[in-house]
């Protein structure tokens, strides 16, 4: 399989977004797995990605995009089953507008 870049004008492929492609490059670098193997349906388990490698990849993604990737509450430690879920979750974080609770503020002296 190839990395999913769509050549048609139909519905976009899962990794058409350049940010998604950058995430795949980071995951590939941190895990030693080729980008071509990082398909949307590829599972973290089947790829043999260890929890340490996944954690390092997530930290690198957070650093690259200057974000904090929140945990998925109902997954309790297994936030992402597939590469597609990981990418979709990070894109959701990136596309979420900043709210006052997520914007850092400096306290003003009284």
Protein backbone atom coordinates (compact mmCIF):
# COMPACT_ATOMS: atom_id res chain seq x y z
CA UNK A 1 0.00 0.00 0.00
CA UNK A 2 1.09 3.54 -0.55
CA UNK A 3 0.80 6.56 1.68
CA UNK A 4 -2.71 7.84 1.08
CA UNK A 5 -2.47 10.96 -1.05
CA UNK A 6 -5.58 11.22 -3.15
CA UNK A 7 -5.26 12.20 -6.81
CA UNK A 8 -9.02 12.57 -7.30
CA UNK A 9 -11.43 15.37 -6.47
CA UNK A 10 -13.67 13.00 -4.49
CA UNK A 11 -13.73 12.68 -0.72
CA UNK A 12 -10.26 13.33 0.68
CA UNK A 13 -8.14 10.38 1.70
CA UNK A 14 -7.36 10.08 5.43
CA UNK A 15 -3.88 11.51 5.15
CA UNK A 16 -4.40 14.26 2.56
CA UNK A 17 -3.80 16.89 5.22
CA UNK A 18 -0.13 17.97 5.23
CA UNK A 19 -0.21 18.01 9.03
CA UNK A 20 -1.18 14.34 8.96
CA UNK A 21 1.72 13.60 6.67
CA UNK A 22 4.07 15.37 9.09
CA UNK A 23 2.66 13.27 11.95
CA UNK A 24 3.36 10.10 9.96
CA UNK A 25 6.94 11.23 9.38
CA UNK A 26 7.36 11.80 13.11
CA UNK A 27 5.84 8.42 14.01
CA UNK A 28 8.09 6.74 11.43
CA UNK A 29 11.18 8.44 12.83
CA UNK A 30 10.35 7.63 16.46
CA UNK A 31 9.34 4.01 15.82
CA UNK A 32 11.64 2.98 12.97
CA UNK A 33 8.64 1.91 10.89
CA UNK A 34 8.43 3.04 7.27
CA UNK A 35 5.87 5.71 6.45
CA UNK A 36 4.28 3.42 3.83
CA UNK A 37 3.29 0.98 6.58
CA UNK A 38 1.52 3.70 8.57
CA UNK A 39 -1.89 3.34 6.95
CA UNK A 40 -5.11 4.50 8.61
CA UNK A 41 -6.22 0.96 9.41
CA UNK A 42 -2.81 -0.23 10.63
CA UNK A 43 -3.02 -1.07 14.32
CA UNK A 44 -0.42 0.05 16.81
CA UNK A 45 -0.21 -3.56 18.03
CA UNK A 46 0.24 -5.14 14.58
CA UNK A 47 2.92 -2.61 13.72
CA UNK A 48 4.77 -3.64 16.88
CA UNK A 49 4.92 -0.09 18.24
CA UNK A 50 5.89 -0.24 21.90
CA UNK A 51 4.28 2.03 24.46
CA UNK A 52 7.63 3.82 24.90
CA UNK A 53 7.96 4.46 21.15
CA UNK A 54 4.35 5.65 20.98
CA UNK A 55 4.91 7.99 23.93
CA UNK A 56 8.04 9.40 22.32
CA UNK A 57 6.17 9.90 19.05
CA UNK A 58 3.34 11.71 20.86
CA UNK A 59 5.80 13.99 22.66
CA UNK A 60 7.49 14.75 19.33
CA UNK A 61 4.10 15.54 17.73
CA UNK A 62 3.20 17.80 20.65
CA UNK A 63 6.51 19.61 20.28
CA UNK A 64 6.23 19.92 16.49
CA UNK A 65 2.73 21.38 16.60
CA UNK A 66 3.03 23.19 19.96
CA UNK A 67 -0.01 21.41 21.39
CA UNK A 68 -0.94 19.15 24.26
CA UNK A 69 -2.59 15.92 23.18
CA UNK A 70 -5.29 15.11 25.74
CA UNK A 71 -5.95 11.55 26.77
CA UNK A 72 -9.14 9.92 25.59
CA UNK A 73 -11.10 9.34 28.83
CA UNK A 74 -12.85 6.08 27.93
CA UNK A 75 -9.69 4.42 26.62
CA UNK A 76 -7.71 4.52 29.90
CA UNK A 77 -4.20 4.26 28.54
CA UNK A 78 -4.97 2.81 25.12
CA UNK A 79 -5.98 6.06 23.42
CA UNK A 80 -5.21 4.92 19.90
CA UNK A 81 -5.81 1.51 18.40
CA UNK A 82 -4.92 2.50 14.84
CA UNK A 83 -2.73 5.05 13.12
CA UNK A 84 -5.89 6.60 11.68
CA UNK A 85 -7.29 7.15 15.19
CA UNK A 86 -4.06 8.79 16.31
CA UNK A 87 -4.00 11.15 13.31
CA UNK A 88 -7.72 11.97 13.61
CA UNK A 89 -7.36 12.72 17.32
CA UNK A 90 -4.41 15.07 16.79
CA UNK A 91 -6.12 16.82 13.87
CA UNK A 92 -9.16 17.38 16.10
CA UNK A 93 -6.91 18.99 18.70
CA UNK A 94 -5.22 21.14 16.06
CA UNK A 95 -8.52 22.26 14.56
CA UNK A 96 -10.21 23.04 17.87
CA UNK A 97 -10.41 26.81 18.43
CA UNK A 98 -8.58 28.08 21.49
CA UNK A 99 -10.83 28.71 24.46
CA UNK A 100 -10.09 30.88 27.48
CA UNK A 101 -9.45 27.74 29.51
CA UNK A 102 -6.77 26.57 27.06
CA UNK A 103 -5.06 29.90 26.47
CA UNK A 104 -2.21 30.68 28.83
CA UNK A 105 -2.63 33.93 30.71
CA UNK A 106 -0.37 35.97 32.91
CA UNK A 107 -1.78 37.04 36.25
CA UNK A 108 -1.84 40.79 36.68
CA UNK A 109 -0.83 42.18 40.07
CA UNK A 110 -3.78 43.55 42.02
